[in-house]
Amino acid sequence: RDQPYYDPIGDYPPGWIGYSAVTME
């Protein structure tokens, strides 16, 4: 995401935005 998840359920750090499975390259 381009902003934090709204209210994620689970053990996520503050400001969690997910992640990419690949690099931009």
mmCIF file of all heavy atoms, coordinates in Angstrom:
data_MODEL
# 
_entry.id   MODEL 
# 
loop_
_atom_site.group_PDB 
_atom_site.id 
_atom_site.type_symbol 
_atom_site.label_atom_id 
_atom_site.label_alt_id 
_atom_site.label_comp_id 
_atom_site.label_asym_id 
_atom_site.label_entity_id 
_atom_site.label_seq_id 
_atom_site.pdbx_PDB_ins_code 
_atom_site.Cartn_x 
_atom_site.Cartn_y 
_atom_site.Cartn_z 
_atom_site.occupancy 
_atom_site.B_iso_or_equiv 
_atom_site.pdbx_formal_charge 
_atom_site.auth_seq_id 
_atom_site.auth_comp_id 
_atom_site.auth_asym_id 
_atom_site.auth_atom_id 
_atom_site.pdbx_PDB_model_num 
ATOM 1   N N   . ARG A 1 1  ? 0.808   -1.210  0.000   1.00 0.00 ? 1  ARG A N   1 
ATOM 2   C CA  . ARG A 1 1  ? 0.000   0.000   0.000   1.00 0.00 ? 1  ARG A CA  1 
ATOM 3   C C   . ARG A 1 1  ? 0.850   1.272   0.000   1.00 0.00 ? 1  ARG A C   1 
ATOM 4   O O   . ARG A 1 1  ? 2.044   1.241   0.277   1.00 0.00 ? 1  ARG A O   1 
ATOM 5   C CB  . ARG A 1 1  ? -0.930  0.016   1.214   1.00 0.00 ? 1  ARG A CB  1 
ATOM 6   C CG  . ARG A 1 1  ? -1.896  -1.179  1.283   1.00 0.00 ? 1  ARG A CG  1 
ATOM 7   C CD  . ARG A 1 1  ? -3.138  -0.814  2.055   1.00 0.00 ? 1  ARG A CD  1 
ATOM 8   N NE  . ARG A 1 1  ? -3.801  0.322   1.431   1.00 0.00 ? 1  ARG A NE  1 
ATOM 9   C CZ  . ARG A 1 1  ? -4.506  1.227   2.105   1.00 0.00 ? 1  ARG A CZ  1 
ATOM 10  N NH1 . ARG A 1 1  ? -4.612  1.139   3.421   1.00 0.00 ? 1  ARG A NH1 1 
ATOM 11  N NH2 . ARG A 1 1  ? -5.089  2.229   1.475   1.00 0.00 ? 1  ARG A NH2 1 
ATOM 12  N N   . ASP A 1 2  ? 0.185   2.401   -0.257  1.00 0.00 ? 2  ASP A N   1 
ATOM 13  C CA  . ASP A 1 2  ? 0.844   3.702   -0.183  1.00 0.00 ? 2  ASP A CA  1 
ATOM 14  C C   . ASP A 1 2  ? 0.528   4.425   1.121   1.00 0.00 ? 2  ASP A C   1 
ATOM 15  O O   . ASP A 1 2  ? 0.919   5.582   1.301   1.00 0.00 ? 2  ASP A O   1 
ATOM 16  C CB  . ASP A 1 2  ? 0.453   4.578   -1.378  1.00 0.00 ? 2  ASP A CB  1 
ATOM 17  C CG  . ASP A 1 2  ? -1.036  4.945   -1.399  1.00 0.00 ? 2  ASP A CG  1 
ATOM 18  O OD1 . ASP A 1 2  ? -1.801  4.415   -0.554  1.00 0.00 ? 2  ASP A OD1 1 
ATOM 19  O OD2 . ASP A 1 2  ? -1.422  5.762   -2.262  1.00 0.00 ? 2  ASP A OD2 1 
ATOM 20  N N   . GLN A 1 3  ? -0.162  3.759   2.031   1.00 0.00 ? 3  GLN A N   1 
ATOM 21  C CA  . GLN A 1 3  ? -0.490  4.298   3.340   1.00 0.00 ? 3  GLN A CA  1 
ATOM 22  C C   . GLN A 1 3  ? -0.757  3.132   4.279   1.00 0.00 ? 3  GLN A C   1 
ATOM 23  O O   . GLN A 1 3  ? -1.001  2.014   3.823   1.00 0.00 ? 3  GLN A O   1 
ATOM 24  C CB  . GLN A 1 3  ? -1.717  5.209   3.264   1.00 0.00 ? 3  GLN A CB  1 
ATOM 25  C CG  . GLN A 1 3  ? -2.965  4.528   2.728   1.00 0.00 ? 3  GLN A CG  1 
ATOM 26  C CD  . GLN A 1 3  ? -4.098  5.505   2.495   1.00 0.00 ? 3  GLN A CD  1 
ATOM 27  O OE1 . GLN A 1 3  ? -4.713  5.976   3.435   1.00 0.00 ? 3  GLN A OE1 1 
ATOM 28  N NE2 . GLN A 1 3  ? -4.358  5.810   1.215   1.00 0.00 ? 3  GLN A NE2 1 
ATOM 29  N N   . PRO A 1 4  ? -0.714  3.362   5.601   1.00 0.00 ? 4  PRO A N   1 
ATOM 30  C CA  . PRO A 1 4  ? -0.892  2.243   6.532   1.00 0.00 ? 4  PRO A CA  1 
ATOM 31  C C   . PRO A 1 4  ? -2.276  1.603   6.426   1.00 0.00 ? 4  PRO A C   1 
ATOM 32  O O   . PRO A 1 4  ? -3.264  2.262   6.086   1.00 0.00 ? 4  PRO A O   1 
ATOM 33  C CB  . PRO A 1 4  ? -0.694  2.903   7.900   1.00 0.00 ? 4  PRO A CB  1 
ATOM 34  C CG  . PRO A 1 4  ? 0.122   4.114   7.632   1.00 0.00 ? 4  PRO A CG  1 
ATOM 35  C CD  . PRO A 1 4  ? -0.322  4.605   6.286   1.00 0.00 ? 4  PRO A CD  1 
ATOM 36  N N   . TYR A 1 5  ? -2.317  0.298   6.714   1.00 0.00 ? 5  TYR A N   1 
ATOM 37  C CA  . TYR A 1 5  ? -3.597  -0.386  6.814   1.00 0.00 ? 5  TYR A CA  1 
ATOM 38  C C   . TYR A 1 5  ? -4.437  0.248   7.919   1.00 0.00 ? 5  TYR A C   1 
ATOM 39  O O   . TYR A 1 5  ? -3.915  0.774   8.912   1.00 0.00 ? 5  TYR A O   1 
ATOM 40  C CB  . TYR A 1 5  ? -3.382  -1.876  7.074   1.00 0.00 ? 5  TYR A CB  1 
ATOM 41  C CG  . TYR A 1 5  ? -3.074  -2.652  5.811   1.00 0.00 ? 5  TYR A CG  1 
ATOM 42  C CD1 . TYR A 1 5  ? -1.752  -2.855  5.395   1.00 0.00 ? 5  TYR A CD1 1 
ATOM 43  C CD2 . TYR A 1 5  ? -4.092  -3.165  5.023   1.00 0.00 ? 5  TYR A CD2 1 
ATOM 44  C CE1 . TYR A 1 5  ? -1.467  -3.552  4.231   1.00 0.00 ? 5  TYR A CE1 1 
ATOM 45  C CE2 . TYR A 1 5  ? -3.817  -3.865  3.859   1.00 0.00 ? 5  TYR A CE2 1 
ATOM 46  C CZ  . TYR A 1 5  ? -2.513  -4.046  3.467   1.00 0.00 ? 5  TYR A CZ  1 
ATOM 47  O OH  . TYR A 1 5  ? -2.238  -4.723  2.307   1.00 0.00 ? 5  TYR A OH  1 
ATOM 48  N N   . TYR A 1 6  ? -5.733  0.197   7.737   1.00 0.00 ? 6  TYR A N   1 
ATOM 49  C CA  . TYR A 1 6  ? -6.671  0.908   8.604   1.00 0.00 ? 6  TYR A CA  1 
ATOM 50  C C   . TYR A 1 6  ? -6.642  0.402   10.046  1.00 0.00 ? 6  TYR A C   1 
ATOM 51  O O   . TYR A 1 6  ? -6.416  1.151   10.982  1.00 0.00 ? 6  TYR A O   1 
ATOM 52  C CB  . TYR A 1 6  ? -8.072  0.778   8.004   1.00 0.00 ? 6  TYR A CB  1 
ATOM 53  C CG  . TYR A 1 6  ? -9.167  1.511   8.738   1.00 0.00 ? 6  TYR A CG  1 
ATOM 54  C CD1 . TYR A 1 6  ? -9.241  2.898   8.702   1.00 0.00 ? 6  TYR A CD1 1 
ATOM 55  C CD2 . TYR A 1 6  ? -10.157 0.816   9.437   1.00 0.00 ? 6  TYR A CD2 1 
ATOM 56  C CE1 . TYR A 1 6  ? -10.267 3.578   9.356   1.00 0.00 ? 6  TYR A CE1 1 
ATOM 57  C CE2 . TYR A 1 6  ? -11.179 1.473   10.088  1.00 0.00 ? 6  TYR A CE2 1 
ATOM 58  C CZ  . TYR A 1 6  ? -11.232 2.859   10.042  1.00 0.00 ? 6  TYR A CZ  1 
ATOM 59  O OH  . TYR A 1 6  ? -12.252 3.511   10.698  1.00 0.00 ? 6  TYR A OH  1 
ATOM 60  N N   . ASP A 1 7  ? -6.843  -0.889  10.228  1.00 0.00 ? 7  ASP A N   1 
ATOM 61  C CA  . ASP A 1 7  ? -6.851  -1.487  11.572  1.00 0.00 ? 7  ASP A CA  1 
ATOM 62  C C   . ASP A 1 7  ? -6.531  -2.971  11.447  1.00 0.00 ? 7  ASP A C   1 
ATOM 63  O O   . ASP A 1 7  ? -7.380  -3.828  11.703  1.00 0.00 ? 7  ASP A O   1 
ATOM 64  C CB  . ASP A 1 7  ? -8.215  -1.276  12.243  1.00 0.00 ? 7  ASP A CB  1 
ATOM 65  C CG  . ASP A 1 7  ? -8.249  -1.739  13.691  1.00 0.00 ? 7  ASP A CG  1 
ATOM 66  O OD1 . ASP A 1 7  ? -7.163  -1.920  14.289  1.00 0.00 ? 7  ASP A OD1 1 
ATOM 67  O OD2 . ASP A 1 7  ? -9.358  -1.931  14.234  1.00 0.00 ? 7  ASP A OD2 1 
ATOM 68  N N   . PRO A 1 8  ? -5.306  -3.310  11.046  1.00 0.00 ? 8  PRO A N   1 
ATOM 69  C CA  . PRO A 1 8  ? -4.993  -4.715  10.757  1.00 0.00 ? 8  PRO A CA  1 
ATOM 70  C C   . PRO A 1 8  ? -5.050  -5.594  11.995  1.00 0.00 ? 8  PRO A C   1 
ATOM 71  O O   . PRO A 1 8  ? -4.572  -5.211  13.065  1.00 0.00 ? 8  PRO A O   1 
ATOM 72  C CB  . PRO A 1 8  ? -3.575  -4.639  10.194  1.00 0.00 ? 8  PRO A CB  1 
ATOM 73  C CG  . PRO A 1 8  ? -2.995  -3.390  10.774  1.00 0.00 ? 8  PRO A CG  1 
ATOM 74  C CD  . PRO A 1 8  ? -4.143  -2.430  10.877  1.00 0.00 ? 8  PRO A CD  1 
ATOM 75  N N   . ILE A 1 9  ? -5.659  -6.759  11.834  1.00 0.00 ? 9  ILE A N   1 
ATOM 76  C CA  . ILE A 1 9  ? -5.750  -7.723  12.924  1.00 0.00 ? 9  ILE A CA  1 
ATOM 77  C C   . ILE A 1 9  ? -4.550  -8.655  12.842  1.00 0.00 ? 9  ILE A C   1 
ATOM 78  O O   . ILE A 1 9  ? -4.343  -9.330  11.838  1.00 0.00 ? 9  ILE A O   1 
ATOM 79  C CB  . ILE A 1 9  ? -7.070  -8.512  12.854  1.00 0.00 ? 9  ILE A CB  1 
ATOM 80  C CG1 . ILE A 1 9  ? -8.247  -7.588  13.187  1.00 0.00 ? 9  ILE A CG1 1 
ATOM 81  C CG2 . ILE A 1 9  ? -7.054  -9.691  13.816  1.00 0.00 ? 9  ILE A CG2 1 
ATOM 82  C CD1 . ILE A 1 9  ? -9.591  -8.293  13.176  1.00 0.00 ? 9  ILE A CD1 1 
ATOM 83  N N   . GLY A 1 10 ? -3.763  -8.695  13.889  1.00 0.00 ? 10 GLY A N   1 
ATOM 84  C CA  . GLY A 1 10 ? -2.578  -9.537  13.919  1.00 0.00 ? 10 GLY A CA  1 
ATOM 85  C C   . GLY A 1 10 ? -1.411  -8.781  14.524  1.00 0.00 ? 10 GLY A C   1 
ATOM 86  O O   . GLY A 1 10 ? -1.532  -7.629  14.970  1.00 0.00 ? 10 GLY A O   1 
ATOM 87  N N   . ASP A 1 11 ? -0.275  -9.401  14.515  1.00 0.00 ? 11 ASP A N   1 
ATOM 88  C CA  . ASP A 1 11 ? 0.928   -8.842  15.130  1.00 0.00 ? 11 ASP A CA  1 
ATOM 89  C C   . ASP A 1 11 ? 1.683   -8.008  14.098  1.00 0.00 ? 11 ASP A C   1 
ATOM 90  O O   . ASP A 1 11 ? 2.716   -8.429  13.562  1.00 0.00 ? 11 ASP A O   1 
ATOM 91  C CB  . ASP A 1 11 ? 1.800   -9.971  15.684  1.00 0.00 ? 11 ASP A CB  1 
ATOM 92  C CG  . ASP A 1 11 ? 2.993   -9.451  16.452  1.00 0.00 ? 11 ASP A CG  1 
ATOM 93  O OD1 . ASP A 1 11 ? 2.956   -8.280  16.883  1.00 0.00 ? 11 ASP A OD1 1 
ATOM 94  O OD2 . ASP A 1 11 ? 3.974   -10.205 16.613  1.00 0.00 ? 11 ASP A OD2 1 
ATOM 95  N N   . TYR A 1 12 ? 1.155   -6.818  13.803  1.00 0.00 ? 12 TYR A N   1 
ATOM 96  C CA  . TYR A 1 12 ? 1.763   -5.947  12.803  1.00 0.00 ? 12 TYR A CA  1 
ATOM 97  C C   . TYR A 1 12 ? 2.338   -4.704  13.477  1.00 0.00 ? 12 TYR A C   1 
ATOM 98  O O   . TYR A 1 12 ? 1.731   -4.149  14.394  1.00 0.00 ? 12 TYR A O   1 
ATOM 99  C CB  . TYR A 1 12 ? 0.731   -5.530  11.749  1.00 0.00 ? 12 TYR A CB  1 
ATOM 100 C CG  . TYR A 1 12 ? 0.194   -6.689  10.950  1.00 0.00 ? 12 TYR A CG  1 
ATOM 101 C CD1 . TYR A 1 12 ? -1.039  -7.263  11.255  1.00 0.00 ? 12 TYR A CD1 1 
ATOM 102 C CD2 . TYR A 1 12 ? 0.926   -7.226  9.903   1.00 0.00 ? 12 TYR A CD2 1 
ATOM 103 C CE1 . TYR A 1 12 ? -1.520  -8.338  10.531  1.00 0.00 ? 12 TYR A CE1 1 
ATOM 104 C CE2 . TYR A 1 12 ? 0.455   -8.308  9.167   1.00 0.00 ? 12 TYR A CE2 1 
ATOM 105 C CZ  . TYR A 1 12 ? -0.776  -8.857  9.493   1.00 0.00 ? 12 TYR A CZ  1 
ATOM 106 O OH  . TYR A 1 12 ? -1.245  -9.930  8.777   1.00 0.00 ? 12 TYR A OH  1 
ATOM 107 N N   . PRO A 1 13 ? 3.472   -4.222  13.018  1.00 0.00 ? 13 PRO A N   1 
ATOM 108 C CA  . PRO A 1 13 ? 4.050   -3.006  13.596  1.00 0.00 ? 13 PRO A CA  1 
ATOM 109 C C   . PRO A 1 13 ? 3.240   -1.776  13.206  1.00 0.00 ? 13 PRO A C   1 
ATOM 110 O O   . PRO A 1 13 ? 2.491   -1.800  12.217  1.00 0.00 ? 13 PRO A O   1 
ATOM 111 C CB  . PRO A 1 13 ? 5.458   -2.964  12.987  1.00 0.00 ? 13 PRO A CB  1 
ATOM 112 C CG  . PRO A 1 13 ? 5.325   -3.697  11.691  1.00 0.00 ? 13 PRO A CG  1 
ATOM 113 C CD  . PRO A 1 13 ? 4.316   -4.780  11.946  1.00 0.00 ? 13 PRO A CD  1 
ATOM 114 N N   . PRO A 1 14 ? 3.356   -0.673  13.953  1.00 0.00 ? 14 PRO A N   1 
ATOM 115 C CA  . PRO A 1 14 ? 2.657   0.565   13.577  1.00 0.00 ? 14 PRO A CA  1 
ATOM 116 C C   . PRO A 1 14 ? 3.053   1.009   12.167  1.00 0.00 ? 14 PRO A C   1 
ATOM 117 O O   . PRO A 1 14 ? 4.208   0.889   11.754  1.00 0.00 ? 14 PRO A O   1 
ATOM 118 C CB  . PRO A 1 14 ? 3.153   1.569   14.631  1.00 0.00 ? 14 PRO A CB  1 
ATOM 119 C CG  . PRO A 1 14 ? 3.577   0.730   15.791  1.00 0.00 ? 14 PRO A CG  1 
ATOM 120 C CD  . PRO A 1 14 ? 4.116   -0.535  15.209  1.00 0.00 ? 14 PRO A CD  1 
ATOM 121 N N   . GLY A 1 15 ? 2.062   1.497   11.434  1.00 0.00 ? 15 GLY A N   1 
ATOM 122 C CA  . GLY A 1 15 ? 2.318   1.977   10.080  1.00 0.00 ? 15 GLY A CA  1 
ATOM 123 C C   . GLY A 1 15 ? 2.494   0.901   9.035   1.00 0.00 ? 15 GLY A C   1 
ATOM 124 O O   . GLY A 1 15 ? 3.030   1.161   7.958   1.00 0.00 ? 15 GLY A O   1 
ATOM 125 N N   . TRP A 1 16 ? 2.011   -0.308  9.316   1.00 0.00 ? 16 TRP A N   1 
ATOM 126 C CA  . TRP A 1 16 ? 2.180   -1.441  8.393   1.00 0.00 ? 16 TRP A CA  1 
ATOM 127 C C   . TRP A 1 16 ? 1.533   -1.147  7.041   1.00 0.00 ? 16 TRP A C   1 
ATOM 128 O O   . TRP A 1 16 ? 0.351   -0.777  6.963   1.00 0.00 ? 16 TRP A O   1 
ATOM 129 C CB  . TRP A 1 16 ? 1.573   -2.700  9.006   1.00 0.00 ? 16 TRP A CB  1 
ATOM 130 C CG  . TRP A 1 16 ? 1.652   -3.911  8.137   1.00 0.00 ? 16 TRP A CG  1 
ATOM 131 C CD1 . TRP A 1 16 ? 0.628   -4.514  7.466   1.00 0.00 ? 16 TRP A CD1 1 
ATOM 132 C CD2 . TRP A 1 16 ? 2.827   -4.687  7.852   1.00 0.00 ? 16 TRP A CD2 1 
ATOM 133 N NE1 . TRP A 1 16 ? 1.078   -5.614  6.776   1.00 0.00 ? 16 TRP A NE1 1 
ATOM 134 C CE2 . TRP A 1 16 ? 2.429   -5.749  6.994   1.00 0.00 ? 16 TRP A CE2 1 
ATOM 135 C CE3 . TRP A 1 16 ? 4.160   -4.590  8.240   1.00 0.00 ? 16 TRP A CE3 1 
ATOM 136 C CZ2 . TRP A 1 16 ? 3.324   -6.694  6.528   1.00 0.00 ? 16 TRP A CZ2 1 
ATOM 137 C CZ3 . TRP A 1 16 ? 5.065   -5.537  7.759   1.00 0.00 ? 16 TRP A CZ3 1 
ATOM 138 C CH2 . TRP A 1 16 ? 4.638   -6.577  6.921   1.00 0.00 ? 16 TRP A CH2 1 
ATOM 139 N N   . ILE A 1 17 ? 2.291   -1.326  5.956   1.00 0.00 ? 17 ILE A N   1 
ATOM 140 C CA  . ILE A 1 17 ? 1.779   -1.076  4.608   1.00 0.00 ? 17 ILE A CA  1 
ATOM 141 C C   . ILE A 1 17 ? 1.896   -2.304  3.703   1.00 0.00 ? 17 ILE A C   1 
ATOM 142 O O   . ILE A 1 17 ? 1.642   -2.202  2.496   1.00 0.00 ? 17 ILE A O   1 
ATOM 143 C CB  . ILE A 1 17 ? 2.505   0.111   3.946   1.00 0.00 ? 17 ILE A CB  1 
ATOM 144 C CG1 . ILE A 1 17 ? 4.003   -0.175  3.796   1.00 0.00 ? 17 ILE A CG1 1 
ATOM 145 C CG2 . ILE A 1 17 ? 2.262   1.407   4.726   1.00 0.00 ? 17 ILE A CG2 1 
ATOM 146 C CD1 . ILE A 1 17 ? 4.740   0.856   2.949   1.00 0.00 ? 17 ILE A CD1 1 
ATOM 147 N N   . GLY A 1 18 ? 2.222   -3.467  4.270   1.00 0.00 ? 18 GLY A N   1 
ATOM 148 C CA  . GLY A 1 18 ? 2.443   -4.631  3.423   1.00 0.00 ? 18 GLY A CA  1 
ATOM 149 C C   . GLY A 1 18 ? 3.828   -4.587  2.810   1.00 0.00 ? 18 GLY A C   1 
ATOM 150 O O   . GLY A 1 18 ? 4.693   -3.820  3.233   1.00 0.00 ? 18 GLY A O   1 
ATOM 151 N N   . TYR A 1 19 ? 4.035   -5.377  1.760   1.00 0.00 ? 19 TYR A N   1 
ATOM 152 C CA  . TYR A 1 19 ? 5.354   -5.412  1.150   1.00 0.00 ? 19 TYR A CA  1 
ATOM 153 C C   . TYR A 1 19 ? 5.276   -5.964  -0.271  1.00 0.00 ? 19 TYR A C   1 
ATOM 154 O O   . TYR A 1 19 ? 4.286   -6.585  -0.670  1.00 0.00 ? 19 TYR A O   1 
ATOM 155 C CB  . TYR A 1 19 ? 6.327   -6.246  1.988   1.00 0.00 ? 19 TYR A CB  1 
ATOM 156 C CG  . TYR A 1 19 ? 5.865   -7.657  2.321   1.00 0.00 ? 19 TYR A CG  1 
ATOM 157 C CD1 . TYR A 1 19 ? 6.183   -8.726  1.491   1.00 0.00 ? 19 TYR A CD1 1 
ATOM 158 C CD2 . TYR A 1 19 ? 5.115   -7.912  3.474   1.00 0.00 ? 19 TYR A CD2 1 
ATOM 159 C CE1 . TYR A 1 19 ? 5.780   -10.011 1.793   1.00 0.00 ? 19 TYR A CE1 1 
ATOM 160 C CE2 . TYR A 1 19 ? 4.700   -9.193  3.784   1.00 0.00 ? 19 TYR A CE2 1 
ATOM 161 C CZ  . TYR A 1 19 ? 5.029   -10.244 2.950   1.00 0.00 ? 19 TYR A CZ  1 
ATOM 162 O OH  . TYR A 1 19 ? 4.620   -11.523 3.249   1.00 0.00 ? 19 TYR A OH  1 
ATOM 163 N N   . SER A 1 20 ? 6.340   -5.714  -1.001  1.00 0.00 ? 20 SER A N   1 
ATOM 164 C CA  . SER A 1 20 ? 6.439   -6.208  -2.367  1.00 0.00 ? 20 SER A CA  1 
ATOM 165 C C   . SER A 1 20 ? 7.102   -7.576  -2.376  1.00 0.00 ? 20 SER A C   1 
ATOM 166 O O   . SER A 1 20 ? 8.040   -7.827  -1.625  1.00 0.00 ? 20 SER A O   1 
ATOM 167 C CB  . SER A 1 20 ? 7.249   -5.226  -3.219  1.00 0.00 ? 20 SER A CB  1 
ATOM 168 O OG  . SER A 1 20 ? 7.498   -5.762  -4.498  1.00 0.00 ? 20 SER A OG  1 
ATOM 169 N N   . ALA A 1 21 ? 6.629   -8.438  -3.243  1.00 0.00 ? 21 ALA A N   1 
ATOM 170 C CA  . ALA A 1 21 ? 7.239   -9.759  -3.392  1.00 0.00 ? 21 ALA A CA  1 
ATOM 171 C C   . ALA A 1 21 ? 8.412   -9.740  -4.360  1.00 0.00 ? 21 ALA A C   1 
ATOM 172 O O   . ALA A 1 21 ? 9.144   -10.729 -4.462  1.00 0.00 ? 21 ALA A O   1 
ATOM 173 C CB  . ALA A 1 21 ? 6.188   -10.768 -3.866  1.00 0.00 ? 21 ALA A CB  1 
ATOM 174 N N   . VAL A 1 22 ? 8.584   -8.638  -5.079  1.00 0.00 ? 22 VAL A N   1 
ATOM 175 C CA  . VAL A 1 22 ? 9.666   -8.510  -6.058  1.00 0.00 ? 22 VAL A CA  1 
ATOM 176 C C   . VAL A 1 22 ? 10.273  -7.122  -5.930  1.00 0.00 ? 22 VAL A C   1 
ATOM 177 O O   . VAL A 1 22 ? 9.721   -6.234  -5.283  1.00 0.00 ? 22 VAL A O   1 
ATOM 178 C CB  . VAL A 1 22 ? 9.160   -8.730  -7.501  1.00 0.00 ? 22 VAL A CB  1 
ATOM 179 C CG1 . VAL A 1 22 ? 8.688   -10.159 -7.708  1.00 0.00 ? 22 VAL A CG1 1 
ATOM 180 C CG2 . VAL A 1 22 ? 8.028   -7.752  -7.829  1.00 0.00 ? 22 VAL A CG2 1 
ATOM 181 N N   . THR A 1 23 ? 11.411  -6.926  -6.572  1.00 0.00 ? 23 THR A N   1 
ATOM 182 C CA  . THR A 1 23 ? 12.058  -5.625  -6.572  1.00 0.00 ? 23 THR A CA  1 
ATOM 183 C C   . THR A 1 23 ? 11.561  -4.790  -7.758  1.00 0.00 ? 23 THR A C   1 
ATOM 184 O O   . THR A 1 23 ? 11.023  -5.316  -8.736  1.00 0.00 ? 23 THR A O   1 
ATOM 185 C CB  . THR A 1 23 ? 13.580  -5.771  -6.684  1.00 0.00 ? 23 THR A CB  1 
ATOM 186 O OG1 . THR A 1 23 ? 13.896  -6.328  -7.975  1.00 0.00 ? 23 THR A OG1 1 
ATOM 187 C CG2 . THR A 1 23 ? 14.121  -6.686  -5.589  1.00 0.00 ? 23 THR A CG2 1 
ATOM 188 N N   . MET A 1 24 ? 11.768  -3.477  -7.656  1.00 0.00 ? 24 MET A N   1 
ATOM 189 C CA  . MET A 1 24 ? 11.416  -2.600  -8.770  1.00 0.00 ? 24 MET A CA  1 
ATOM 190 C C   . MET A 1 24 ? 12.216  -2.968  -10.008 1.00 0.00 ? 24 MET A C   1 
ATOM 191 O O   . MET A 1 24 ? 11.702  -2.909  -11.142 1.00 0.00 ? 24 MET A O   1 
ATOM 192 C CB  . MET A 1 24 ? 11.652  -1.143  -8.388  1.00 0.00 ? 24 MET A CB  1 
ATOM 193 C CG  . MET A 1 24 ? 11.155  -0.147  -9.441  1.00 0.00 ? 24 MET A CG  1 
ATOM 194 S SD  . MET A 1 24 ? 9.357   -0.226  -9.639  1.00 0.00 ? 24 MET A SD  1 
ATOM 195 C CE  . MET A 1 24 ? 9.135   0.563   -11.236 1.00 0.00 ? 24 MET A CE  1 
ATOM 196 N N   . GLU A 1 25 ? 13.454  -3.361  -9.824  1.00 0.00 ? 25 GLU A N   1 
ATOM 197 C CA  . GLU A 1 25 ? 14.281  -3.778  -10.963 1.00 0.00 ? 25 GLU A CA  1 
ATOM 198 C C   . GLU A 1 25 ? 13.657  -4.966  -11.680 1.00 0.00 ? 25 GLU A C   1 
ATOM 199 O O   . GLU A 1 25 ? 13.656  -5.025  -12.921 1.00 0.00 ? 25 GLU A O   1 
ATOM 200 C CB  . GLU A 1 25 ? 15.688  -4.125  -10.492 1.00 0.00 ? 25 GLU A CB  1 
ATOM 201 C CG  . GLU A 1 25 ? 16.623  -4.523  -11.622 1.00 0.00 ? 25 GLU A CG  1 
ATOM 202 C CD  . GLU A 1 25 ? 18.019  -4.883  -11.139 1.00 0.00 ? 25 GLU A CD  1 
ATOM 203 O OE1 . GLU A 1 25 ? 18.218  -4.958  -9.915  1.00 0.00 ? 25 GLU A OE1 1 
ATOM 204 O OE2 . GLU A 1 25 ? 18.901  -5.106  -11.994 1.00 0.00 ? 25 GLU A OE2 1 
# 
